[in-house]
Amino acid sequence: MPKGRSAKKKTEMALSNTVTLSYYTIQDVMTILGCGRTKASEVVRALNDELEKQGYMRFPLGRVPKKYFHERYHLEERIEA
């Protein structure tokens, strides 16, 4: 690993190898919906606003919970092996 990488980046890389993440990033939303970055950002922001109004804590910037995304867009949960 190149020098200068932050501890946070190392932790994220370690987690990505061992844990199935419970959220989608803007890039994931772009792929799923077949839209551009701007639209995907608007979707993520809107879904997080809805969750916040329901009393849930806001997800980190640019991420949306998979379960809620699937619920709102009527997608079936993918079974991950």
PDB file of N, CA and C in Angstrom:
ATOM      1  N   MET A   1       0.848  -1.172   0.000  1.00  0.00           N
ATOM      2  CA  MET A   1       0.000   0.000   0.000  1.00  0.00           C
ATOM      3  C   MET A   1       0.896   1.238   0.000  1.00  0.00           C
ATOM      4  N   PRO A   2       0.652   2.202  -0.886  1.00  0.00           N
ATOM      5  CA  PRO A   2       1.505   3.381  -0.959  1.00  0.00           C
ATOM      6  C   PRO A   2       1.487   4.189   0.323  1.00  0.00           C
ATOM      7  N   LYS A   3       2.624   4.821   0.605  1.00  0.00           N
ATOM      8  CA  LYS A   3       2.704   5.673   1.782  1.00  0.00           C
ATOM      9  C   LYS A   3       1.736   6.835   1.631  1.00  0.00           C
ATOM     10  N   GLY A   4       1.233   7.325   2.780  1.00  0.00           N
ATOM     11  CA  GLY A   4       0.361   8.482   2.746  1.00  0.00           C
ATOM     12  C   GLY A   4      -1.122   8.130   2.789  1.00  0.00           C
ATOM     13  N   ARG A   5      -1.465   6.870   2.707  1.00  0.00           N
ATOM     14  CA  ARG A   5      -2.877   6.487   2.802  1.00  0.00           C
ATOM     15  C   ARG A   5      -3.323   6.643   4.245  1.00  0.00           C
ATOM     16  N   SER A   6      -4.476   7.180   4.416  1.00  0.00           N
ATOM     17  CA  SER A   6      -4.975   7.424   5.764  1.00  0.00           C
ATOM     18  C   SER A   6      -5.434   6.121   6.406  1.00  0.00           C
ATOM     19  N   ALA A   7      -5.528   6.156   7.740  1.00  0.00           N
ATOM     20  CA  ALA A   7      -6.005   4.991   8.480  1.00  0.00           C
ATOM     21  C   ALA A   7      -7.446   4.671   8.098  1.00  0.00           C
ATOM     22  N   LYS A   8      -8.236   5.715   7.824  1.00  0.00           N
ATOM     23  CA  LYS A   8      -9.632   5.520   7.427  1.00  0.00           C
ATOM     24  C   LYS A   8      -9.710   4.729   6.132  1.00  0.00           C
ATOM     25  N   LYS A   9      -8.864   5.077   5.164  1.00  0.00           N
ATOM     26  CA  LYS A   9      -8.865   4.395   3.870  1.00  0.00           C
ATOM     27  C   LYS A   9      -8.461   2.931   4.049  1.00  0.00           C
ATOM     28  N   LYS A  10      -7.478   2.670   4.898  1.00  0.00           N
ATOM     29  CA  LYS A  10      -7.045   1.305   5.160  1.00  0.00           C
ATOM     30  C   LYS A  10      -8.178   0.501   5.787  1.00  0.00           C
ATOM     31  N   THR A  11      -8.900   1.111   6.732  1.00  0.00           N
ATOM     32  CA  THR A  11     -10.013   0.442   7.389  1.00  0.00           C
ATOM     33  C   THR A  11     -11.114   0.133   6.394  1.00  0.00           C
ATOM     34  N   GLU A  12     -11.448   1.105   5.521  1.00  0.00           N
ATOM     35  CA  GLU A  12     -12.477   0.885   4.508  1.00  0.00           C
ATOM     36  C   GLU A  12     -12.084  -0.255   3.583  1.00  0.00           C
ATOM     37  N   MET A  13     -10.823  -0.318   3.205  1.00  0.00           N
ATOM     38  CA  MET A  13     -10.362  -1.373   2.313  1.00  0.00           C
ATOM     39  C   MET A  13     -10.467  -2.730   3.005  1.00  0.00           C
ATOM     40  N   ALA A  14     -10.111  -2.788   4.280  1.00  0.00           N
ATOM     41  CA  ALA A  14     -10.193  -4.036   5.030  1.00  0.00           C
ATOM     42  C   ALA A  14     -11.641  -4.482   5.159  1.00  0.00           C
ATOM     43  N   LEU A  15     -12.529  -3.537   5.443  1.00  0.00           N
ATOM     44  CA  LEU A  15     -13.948  -3.864   5.573  1.00  0.00           C
ATOM     45  C   LEU A  15     -14.532  -4.336   4.254  1.00  0.00           C
ATOM     46  N   SER A  16     -14.142  -3.694   3.154  1.00  0.00           N
ATOM     47  CA  SER A  16     -14.705  -4.058   1.857  1.00  0.00           C
ATOM     48  C   SER A  16     -14.339  -5.489   1.462  1.00  0.00           C
ATOM     49  N   ASN A  17     -13.267  -6.012   2.027  1.00  0.00           N
ATOM     50  CA  ASN A  17     -12.855  -7.377   1.725  1.00  0.00           C
ATOM     51  C   ASN A  17     -13.572  -8.406   2.587  1.00  0.00           C
ATOM     52  N   THR A  18     -14.154  -7.989   3.723  1.00  0.00           N
ATOM     53  CA  THR A  18     -14.716  -8.955   4.651  1.00  0.00           C
ATOM     54  C   THR A  18     -16.194  -8.755   4.951  1.00  0.00           C
ATOM     55  N   VAL A  19     -16.736  -7.573   4.747  1.00  0.00           N
ATOM     56  CA  VAL A  19     -18.102  -7.269   5.148  1.00  0.00           C
ATOM     57  C   VAL A  19     -18.918  -6.854   3.933  1.00  0.00           C
ATOM     58  N   THR A  20     -20.145  -7.380   3.846  1.00  0.00           N
ATOM     59  CA  THR A  20     -21.053  -6.924   2.813  1.00  0.00           C
ATOM     60  C   THR A  20     -21.663  -5.621   3.323  1.00  0.00           C
ATOM     61  N   LEU A  21     -21.441  -4.543   2.595  1.00  0.00           N
ATOM     62  CA  LEU A  21     -21.899  -3.245   3.042  1.00  0.00           C
ATOM     63  C   LEU A  21     -23.405  -3.126   2.912  1.00  0.00           C
ATOM     64  N   SER A  22     -24.010  -2.346   3.808  1.00  0.00           N
ATOM     65  CA  SER A  22     -25.461  -2.222   3.855  1.00  0.00           C
ATOM     66  C   SER A  22     -25.955  -0.968   3.161  1.00  0.00           C
ATOM     67  N   TYR A  23     -25.118  -0.362   2.344  1.00  0.00           N
ATOM     68  CA  TYR A  23     -25.522   0.859   1.673  1.00  0.00           C
ATOM     69  C   TYR A  23     -25.053   0.862   0.224  1.00  0.00           C
ATOM     70  N   TYR A  24     -25.691   1.738  -0.558  1.00  0.00           N
ATOM     71  CA  TYR A  24     -25.262   1.987  -1.927  1.00  0.00           C
ATOM     72  C   TYR A  24     -24.606   3.355  -1.995  1.00  0.00           C
ATOM     73  N   THR A  25     -23.619   3.478  -2.844  1.00  0.00           N
ATOM     74  CA  THR A  25     -22.982   4.765  -3.100  1.00  0.00           C
ATOM     75  C   THR A  25     -23.665   5.409  -4.310  1.00  0.00           C
ATOM     76  N   ILE A  26     -23.309   6.636  -4.588  1.00  0.00           N
ATOM     77  CA  ILE A  26     -23.856   7.322  -5.759  1.00  0.00           C
ATOM     78  C   ILE A  26     -23.518   6.546  -7.034  1.00  0.00           C
ATOM     79  N   GLN A  27     -22.328   6.000  -7.110  1.00  0.00           N
ATOM     80  CA  GLN A  27     -21.922   5.203  -8.275  1.00  0.00           C
ATOM     81  C   GLN A  27     -22.836   3.994  -8.447  1.00  0.00           C
ATOM     82  N   ASP A  28     -23.170   3.323  -7.321  1.00  0.00           N
ATOM     83  CA  ASP A  28     -24.074   2.174  -7.382  1.00  0.00           C
ATOM     84  C   ASP A  28     -25.449   2.591  -7.897  1.00  0.00           C
ATOM     85  N   VAL A  29     -25.964   3.703  -7.389  1.00  0.00           N
ATOM     86  CA  VAL A  29     -27.277   4.202  -7.803  1.00  0.00           C
ATOM     87  C   VAL A  29     -27.261   4.552  -9.291  1.00  0.00           C
ATOM     88  N   MET A  30     -26.170   5.139  -9.763  1.00  0.00           N
ATOM     89  CA  MET A  30     -26.040   5.448 -11.189  1.00  0.00           C
ATOM     90  C   MET A  30     -26.173   4.175 -12.032  1.00  0.00           C
ATOM     91  N   THR A  31     -25.515   3.121 -11.604  1.00  0.00           N
ATOM     92  CA  THR A  31     -25.534   1.858 -12.332  1.00  0.00           C
ATOM     93  C   THR A  31     -26.920   1.220 -12.300  1.00  0.00           C
ATOM     94  N   ILE A  32     -27.532   1.173 -11.128  1.00  0.00           N
ATOM     95  CA  ILE A  32     -28.838   0.526 -10.967  1.00  0.00           C
ATOM     96  C   ILE A  32     -29.925   1.251 -11.755  1.00  0.00           C
ATOM     97  N   LEU A  33     -29.958   2.572 -11.656  1.00  0.00           N
ATOM     98  CA  LEU A  33     -31.009   3.351 -12.302  1.00  0.00           C
ATOM     99  C   LEU A  33     -30.665   3.760 -13.732  1.00  0.00           C
ATOM    100  N   GLY A  34     -29.414   3.596 -14.114  1.00  0.00           N
ATOM    101  CA  GLY A  34     -28.998   3.976 -15.459  1.00  0.00           C
ATOM    102  C   GLY A  34     -29.081   5.475 -15.688  1.00  0.00           C
ATOM    103  N   CYS A  35     -28.675   6.229 -14.679  1.00  0.00           N
ATOM    104  CA  CYS A  35     -28.750   7.692 -14.776  1.00  0.00           C
ATOM    105  C   CYS A  35     -27.363   8.300 -14.555  1.00  0.00           C
ATOM    106  N   GLY A  36     -27.289   9.608 -14.659  1.00  0.00           N
ATOM    107  CA  GLY A  36     -26.035  10.312 -14.456  1.00  0.00           C
ATOM    108  C   GLY A  36     -25.772  10.619 -12.989  1.00  0.00           C
ATOM    109  N   ARG A  37     -24.603  11.176 -12.743  1.00  0.00           N
ATOM    110  CA  ARG A  37     -24.172  11.478 -11.387  1.00  0.00           C
ATOM    111  C   ARG A  37     -25.086  12.478 -10.689  1.00  0.00           C
ATOM    112  N   THR A  38     -25.512  13.505 -11.408  1.00  0.00           N
ATOM    113  CA  THR A  38     -26.357  14.534 -10.808  1.00  0.00           C
ATOM    114  C   THR A  38     -27.683  13.945 -10.340  1.00  0.00           C
ATOM    115  N   LYS A  39     -28.324  13.164 -11.196  1.00  0.00           N
ATOM    116  CA  LYS A  39     -29.608  12.548 -10.841  1.00  0.00           C
ATOM    117  C   LYS A  39     -29.437  11.569  -9.687  1.00  0.00           C
ATOM    118  N   ALA A  40     -28.387  10.767  -9.715  1.00  0.00           N
ATOM    119  CA  ALA A  40     -28.134   9.803  -8.645  1.00  0.00           C
ATOM    120  C   ALA A  40     -27.920  10.524  -7.318  1.00  0.00           C
ATOM    121  N   SER A  41     -27.213  11.655  -7.345  1.00  0.00           N
ATOM    122  CA  SER A  41     -26.994  12.447  -6.131  1.00  0.00           C
ATOM    123  C   SER A  41     -28.313  12.981  -5.592  1.00  0.00           C
ATOM    124  N   GLU A  42     -29.194  13.422  -6.494  1.00  0.00           N
ATOM    125  CA  GLU A  42     -30.503  13.925  -6.079  1.00  0.00           C
ATOM    126  C   GLU A  42     -31.332  12.815  -5.438  1.00  0.00           C
ATOM    127  N   VAL A  43     -31.283  11.614  -6.011  1.00  0.00           N
ATOM    128  CA  VAL A  43     -32.023  10.471  -5.471  1.00  0.00           C
ATOM    129  C   VAL A  43     -31.517  10.132  -4.078  1.00  0.00           C
ATOM    130  N   VAL A  44     -30.206  10.030  -3.917  1.00  0.00           N
ATOM    131  CA  VAL A  44     -29.614   9.697  -2.619  1.00  0.00           C
ATOM    132  C   VAL A  44     -29.980  10.756  -1.586  1.00  0.00           C
ATOM    133  N   ARG A  45     -29.873  12.016  -1.964  1.00  0.00           N
ATOM    134  CA  ARG A  45     -30.200  13.110  -1.056  1.00  0.00           C
ATOM    135  C   ARG A  45     -31.670  13.061  -0.639  1.00  0.00           C
ATOM    136  N   ALA A  46     -32.558  12.832  -1.607  1.00  0.00           N
ATOM    137  CA  ALA A  46     -33.996  12.778  -1.321  1.00  0.00           C
ATOM    138  C   ALA A  46     -34.336  11.614  -0.386  1.00  0.00           C
ATOM    139  N   LEU A  47     -33.746  10.452  -0.634  1.00  0.00           N
ATOM    140  CA  LEU A  47     -34.018   9.298   0.226  1.00  0.00           C
ATOM    141  C   LEU A  47     -33.501   9.534   1.641  1.00  0.00           C
ATOM    142  N   ASN A  48     -32.335  10.135   1.761  1.00  0.00           N
ATOM    143  CA  ASN A  48     -31.808  10.440   3.097  1.00  0.00           C
ATOM    144  C   ASN A  48     -32.649  11.497   3.802  1.00  0.00           C
ATOM    145  N   ASP A  49     -33.188  12.468   3.050  1.00  0.00           N
ATOM    146  CA  ASP A  49     -34.093  13.465   3.635  1.00  0.00           C
ATOM    147  C   ASP A  49     -35.344  12.788   4.186  1.00  0.00           C
ATOM    148  N   GLU A  50     -35.898  11.833   3.412  1.00  0.00           N
ATOM    149  CA  GLU A  50     -37.084  11.099   3.859  1.00  0.00           C
ATOM    150  C   GLU A  50     -36.799  10.348   5.155  1.00  0.00           C
ATOM    151  N   LEU A  51     -35.668   9.667   5.198  1.00  0.00           N
ATOM    152  CA  LEU A  51     -35.310   8.913   6.393  1.00  0.00           C
ATOM    153  C   LEU A  51     -35.135   9.833   7.605  1.00  0.00           C
ATOM    154  N   GLU A  52     -34.531  10.988   7.381  1.00  0.00           N
ATOM    155  CA  GLU A  52     -34.314  11.939   8.469  1.00  0.00           C
ATOM    156  C   GLU A  52     -35.650  12.448   9.013  1.00  0.00           C
ATOM    157  N   LYS A  53     -36.611  12.706   8.127  1.00  0.00           N
ATOM    158  CA  LYS A  53     -37.941  13.154   8.549  1.00  0.00           C
ATOM    159  C   LYS A  53     -38.664  12.078   9.353  1.00  0.00           C
ATOM    160  N   GLN A  54     -38.329  10.813   9.099  1.00  0.00           N
ATOM    161  CA  GLN A  54     -38.929   9.705   9.834  1.00  0.00           C
ATOM    162  C   GLN A  54     -38.235   9.467  11.178  1.00  0.00           C
ATOM    163  N   GLY A  55     -37.202  10.264  11.458  1.00  0.00           N
ATOM    164  CA  GLY A  55     -36.507  10.165  12.739  1.00  0.00           C
ATOM    165  C   GLY A  55     -35.251   9.328  12.738  1.00  0.00           C
ATOM    166  N   TYR A  56     -34.817   8.874  11.574  1.00  0.00           N
ATOM    167  CA  TYR A  56     -33.586   8.087  11.485  1.00  0.00           C
ATOM    168  C   TYR A  56     -32.388   9.011  11.311  1.00  0.00           C
ATOM    169  N   MET A  57     -31.232   8.508  11.726  1.00  0.00           N
ATOM    170  CA  MET A  57     -30.005   9.279  11.516  1.00  0.00           C
ATOM    171  C   MET A  57     -29.660   9.254  10.038  1.00  0.00           C
ATOM    172  N   ARG A  58     -29.074  10.344   9.586  1.00  0.00           N
ATOM    173  CA  ARG A  58     -28.691  10.485   8.188  1.00  0.00           C
ATOM    174  C   ARG A  58     -27.469   9.615   7.897  1.00  0.00           C
ATOM    175  N   PHE A  59     -27.477   8.956   6.737  1.00  0.00           N
ATOM    176  CA  PHE A  59     -26.330   8.147   6.318  1.00  0.00           C
ATOM    177  C   PHE A  59     -25.189   9.074   5.911  1.00  0.00           C
ATOM    178  N   PRO A  60     -23.963   8.577   5.909  1.00  0.00           N
ATOM    179  CA  PRO A  60     -22.835   9.414   5.463  1.00  0.00           C
ATOM    180  C   PRO A  60     -23.060   9.946   4.049  1.00  0.00           C
ATOM    181  N   LEU A  61     -22.445  11.052   3.761  1.00  0.00           N
ATOM    182  CA  LEU A  61     -22.600  11.742   2.484  1.00  0.00           C
ATOM    183  C   LEU A  61     -22.428  10.802   1.292  1.00  0.00           C
ATOM    184  N   GLY A  62     -23.416  10.833   0.396  1.00  0.00           N
ATOM    185  CA  GLY A  62     -23.323  10.060  -0.831  1.00  0.00           C
ATOM    186  C   GLY A  62     -23.662   8.592  -0.697  1.00  0.00           C
ATOM    187  N   ARG A  63     -24.352   8.226   0.397  1.00  0.00           N
ATOM    188  CA  ARG A  63     -24.705   6.824   0.600  1.00  0.00           C
ATOM    189  C   ARG A  63     -26.158   6.725   1.039  1.00  0.00           C
ATOM    190  N   VAL A  64     -26.790   5.621   0.670  1.00  0.00           N
ATOM    191  CA  VAL A  64     -28.184   5.386   1.038  1.00  0.00           C
ATOM    192  C   VAL A  64     -28.322   3.910   1.434  1.00  0.00           C
ATOM    193  N   PRO A  65     -29.109   3.625   2.477  1.00  0.00           N
ATOM    194  CA  PRO A  65     -29.281   2.222   2.887  1.00  0.00           C
ATOM    195  C   PRO A  65     -29.888   1.375   1.765  1.00  0.00           C
ATOM    196  N   LYS A  66     -29.309   0.205   1.541  1.00  0.00           N
ATOM    197  CA  LYS A  66     -29.790  -0.688   0.487  1.00  0.00           C
ATOM    198  C   LYS A  66     -31.252  -1.055   0.704  1.00  0.00           C
ATOM    199  N   LYS A  67     -31.603  -1.418   1.922  1.00  0.00           N
ATOM    200  CA  LYS A  67     -32.960  -1.868   2.222  1.00  0.00           C
ATOM    201  C   LYS A  67     -33.978  -0.788   1.867  1.00  0.00           C
ATOM    202  N   TYR A  68     -33.705   0.448   2.242  1.00  0.00           N
ATOM    203  CA  TYR A  68     -34.636   1.533   1.969  1.00  0.00           C
ATOM    204  C   TYR A  68     -34.690   1.844   0.473  1.00  0.00           C
ATOM    205  N   PHE A  69     -33.556   1.815  -0.178  1.00  0.00           N
ATOM    206  CA  PHE A  69     -33.508   2.041  -1.621  1.00  0.00           C
ATOM    207  C   PHE A  69     -34.372   1.009  -2.341  1.00  0.00           C
ATOM    208  N   HIS A  70     -34.225  -0.266  -1.985  1.00  0.00           N
ATOM    209  CA  HIS A  70     -34.996  -1.333  -2.612  1.00  0.00           C
ATOM    210  C   HIS A  70     -36.488  -1.144  -2.352  1.00  0.00           C
ATOM    211  N   GLU A  71     -36.814  -0.757  -1.128  1.00  0.00           N
ATOM    212  CA  GLU A  71     -38.214  -0.546  -0.759  1.00  0.00           C
ATOM    213  C   GLU A  71     -38.838   0.579  -1.595  1.00  0.00           C
ATOM    214  N   ARG A  72     -38.159   1.691  -1.719  1.00  0.00           N
ATOM    215  CA  ARG A  72     -38.688   2.860  -2.424  1.00  0.00           C
ATOM    216  C   ARG A  72     -38.733   2.667  -3.939  1.00  0.00           C
ATOM    217  N   TYR A  73     -37.827   1.890  -4.485  1.00  0.00           N
ATOM    218  CA  TYR A  73     -37.797   1.670  -5.933  1.00  0.00           C
ATOM    219  C   TYR A  73     -38.357   0.304  -6.325  1.00  0.00           C
ATOM    220  N   HIS A  74     -39.014  -0.355  -5.372  1.00  0.00           N
ATOM    221  CA  HIS A  74     -39.687  -1.634  -5.607  1.00  0.00           C
ATOM    222  C   HIS A  74     -38.765  -2.653  -6.271  1.00  0.00           C
ATOM    223  N   LEU A  75     -37.591  -2.777  -5.712  1.00  0.00           N
ATOM    224  CA  LEU A  75     -36.617  -3.757  -6.187  1.00  0.00           C
ATOM    225  C   LEU A  75     -36.567  -4.912  -5.203  1.00  0.00           C
ATOM    226  N   GLU A  76     -36.378  -6.106  -5.706  1.00  0.00           N
ATOM    227  CA  GLU A  76     -36.236  -7.257  -4.823  1.00  0.00           C
ATOM    228  C   GLU A  76     -34.822  -7.272  -4.268  1.00  0.00           C
ATOM    229  N   GLU A  77     -34.711  -7.665  -3.012  1.00  0.00           N
ATOM    230  CA  GLU A  77     -33.387  -7.800  -2.402  1.00  0.00           C
ATOM    231  C   GLU A  77     -32.633  -8.893  -3.146  1.00  0.00           C
ATOM    232  N   ARG A  78     -31.385  -8.623  -3.469  1.00  0.00           N
ATOM    233  CA  ARG A  78     -30.536  -9.639  -4.076  1.00  0.00           C
ATOM    234  C   ARG A  78     -29.957 -10.475  -2.957  1.00  0.00           C
ATOM    235  N   ILE A  79     -29.973 -11.772  -3.131  1.00  0.00           N
ATOM    236  CA  ILE A  79     -29.392 -12.661  -2.121  1.00  0.00           C
ATOM    237  C   ILE A  79     -27.916 -12.794  -2.415  1.00  0.00           C
ATOM    238  N   GLU A  80     -27.116 -12.359  -1.457  1.00  0.00           N
ATOM    239  CA  GLU A  80     -25.663 -12.399  -1.616  1.00  0.00           C
ATOM    240  C   GLU A  80     -25.140 -13.681  -0.972  1.00  0.00           C
ATOM    241  N   ALA A  81     -24.330 -14.430  -1.686  1.00  0.00           N
ATOM    242  CA  ALA A  81     -23.790 -15.696  -1.153  1.00  0.00           C
ATOM    243  C   ALA A  81     -22.550 -15.441  -0.346  1.00  0.00           C
TER     244      ALA A  81
END
